[in-house]
Protein backbone atom coordinates (compact mmCIF):
# COMPACT_ATOMS: atom_id res chain seq x y z
CA UNK A 1 -117.91 -90.38 -20.61
CA UNK A 2 -115.00 -88.84 -18.40
CA UNK A 3 -112.58 -89.14 -21.21
CA UNK A 4 -114.71 -87.33 -23.66
CA UNK A 5 -115.25 -84.47 -21.19
CA UNK A 6 -111.53 -84.15 -20.45
CA UNK A 7 -110.72 -84.35 -24.22
CA UNK A 8 -113.35 -81.63 -24.97
CA UNK A 9 -111.96 -79.52 -22.23
CA UNK A 10 -108.46 -79.88 -23.70
CA UNK A 11 -109.53 -79.05 -27.13
CA UNK A 12 -111.35 -75.91 -25.97
CA UNK A 13 -108.28 -74.93 -23.77
CA UNK A 14 -106.07 -75.11 -26.82
CA UNK A 15 -108.56 -73.09 -29.00
CA UNK A 16 -108.81 -70.43 -26.41
CA UNK A 17 -105.16 -70.18 -25.75
CA UNK A 18 -104.29 -70.12 -29.59
CA UNK A 19 -107.02 -67.41 -30.00
CA UNK A 20 -105.56 -65.23 -27.16
CA UNK A 21 -102.04 -65.60 -28.50
CA UNK A 22 -103.13 -64.77 -32.03
CA UNK A 23 -105.18 -61.79 -30.79
CA UNK A 24 -102.30 -60.46 -28.70
CA UNK A 25 -99.95 -60.78 -31.55
CA UNK A 26 -102.31 -58.97 -33.99
CA UNK A 27 -102.80 -56.10 -31.50
CA UNK A 28 -99.12 -55.78 -30.94
CA UNK A 29 -98.21 -55.78 -34.69
CA UNK A 30 -100.99 -53.31 -35.19
CA UNK A 31 -99.60 -50.89 -32.71
CA UNK A 32 -96.09 -51.36 -34.06
CA UNK A 33 -97.15 -50.56 -37.67
CA UNK A 34 -99.05 -47.59 -36.50
CA UNK A 35 -96.10 -46.31 -34.56
CA UNK A 36 -93.71 -46.79 -37.46
CA UNK A 37 -95.76 -45.46 -40.39
CA UNK A 38 -98.87 -43.30 -39.26
CA UNK A 39 -99.77 -41.87 -42.65
CA UNK A 40 -99.67 -45.13 -44.55
CA UNK A 41 -101.61 -47.09 -41.89
CA UNK A 42 -104.50 -44.46 -41.70
CA UNK A 43 -104.63 -44.29 -45.56
CA UNK A 44 -104.88 -47.94 -45.92
CA UNK A 45 -107.58 -48.24 -43.16
CA UNK A 46 -109.57 -45.55 -44.85
CA UNK A 47 -109.17 -47.19 -48.25
CA UNK A 48 -110.05 -50.62 -46.78
CA UNK A 49 -113.10 -49.27 -45.05
CA UNK A 50 -114.23 -47.74 -48.30
CA UNK A 51 -113.67 -50.99 -50.23
CA UNK A 52 -115.59 -53.07 -47.64
CA UNK A 53 -118.53 -50.64 -47.64
CA UNK A 54 -118.64 -50.74 -51.45
CA UNK A 55 -118.45 -54.51 -51.54
CA UNK A 56 -121.42 -54.64 -49.00
CA UNK A 57 -123.44 -52.19 -50.96
CA UNK A 58 -122.92 -53.97 -54.33
CA UNK A 59 -123.63 -57.46 -52.79
CA UNK A 60 -126.89 -56.12 -51.26
CA UNK A 61 -127.91 -54.65 -54.53
CA UNK A 62 -127.05 -57.86 -56.41
CA UNK A 63 -129.15 -59.92 -53.89
CA UNK A 64 -132.06 -57.69 -54.43
CA UNK A 65 -131.84 -57.99 -58.03
CA UNK A 66 -131.46 -61.84 -57.90
CA UNK A 67 -134.37 -62.37 -55.45
CA UNK A 68 -137.09 -62.43 -58.13
CA UNK A 69 -135.11 -64.77 -60.37
CA UNK A 70 -134.48 -67.14 -57.59
CA UNK A 71 -138.33 -67.28 -56.66
CA UNK A 72 -139.21 -68.04 -60.11
CA UNK A 73 -136.69 -71.05 -60.52
CA UNK A 74 -138.96 -73.69 -58.71
CA UNK A 75 -141.77 -72.83 -61.16
CA UNK A 76 -139.45 -73.20 -64.06
CA UNK A 77 -138.39 -76.61 -62.88
CA UNK A 78 -142.04 -77.66 -62.44
CA UNK A 79 -142.86 -76.86 -66.00
CA UNK A 80 -139.87 -79.04 -67.26
């Protein structure tokens, strides 16, 4: 039991360490990109946010349209 606990602690330590390292790299690269090209960065952020919002809207619309069809599927299978 002691080995499992130590192994789990090591795995969690590696995951947390790599996450913190990746997060700090992402933050520093983002700051660097913003400092070098302000207009392009702001434009890409705005376009990216609009794209994400539109994808979310279309996926919710598609889910609401598919919900009745998915509810009727078990009834169709019963008839077969």
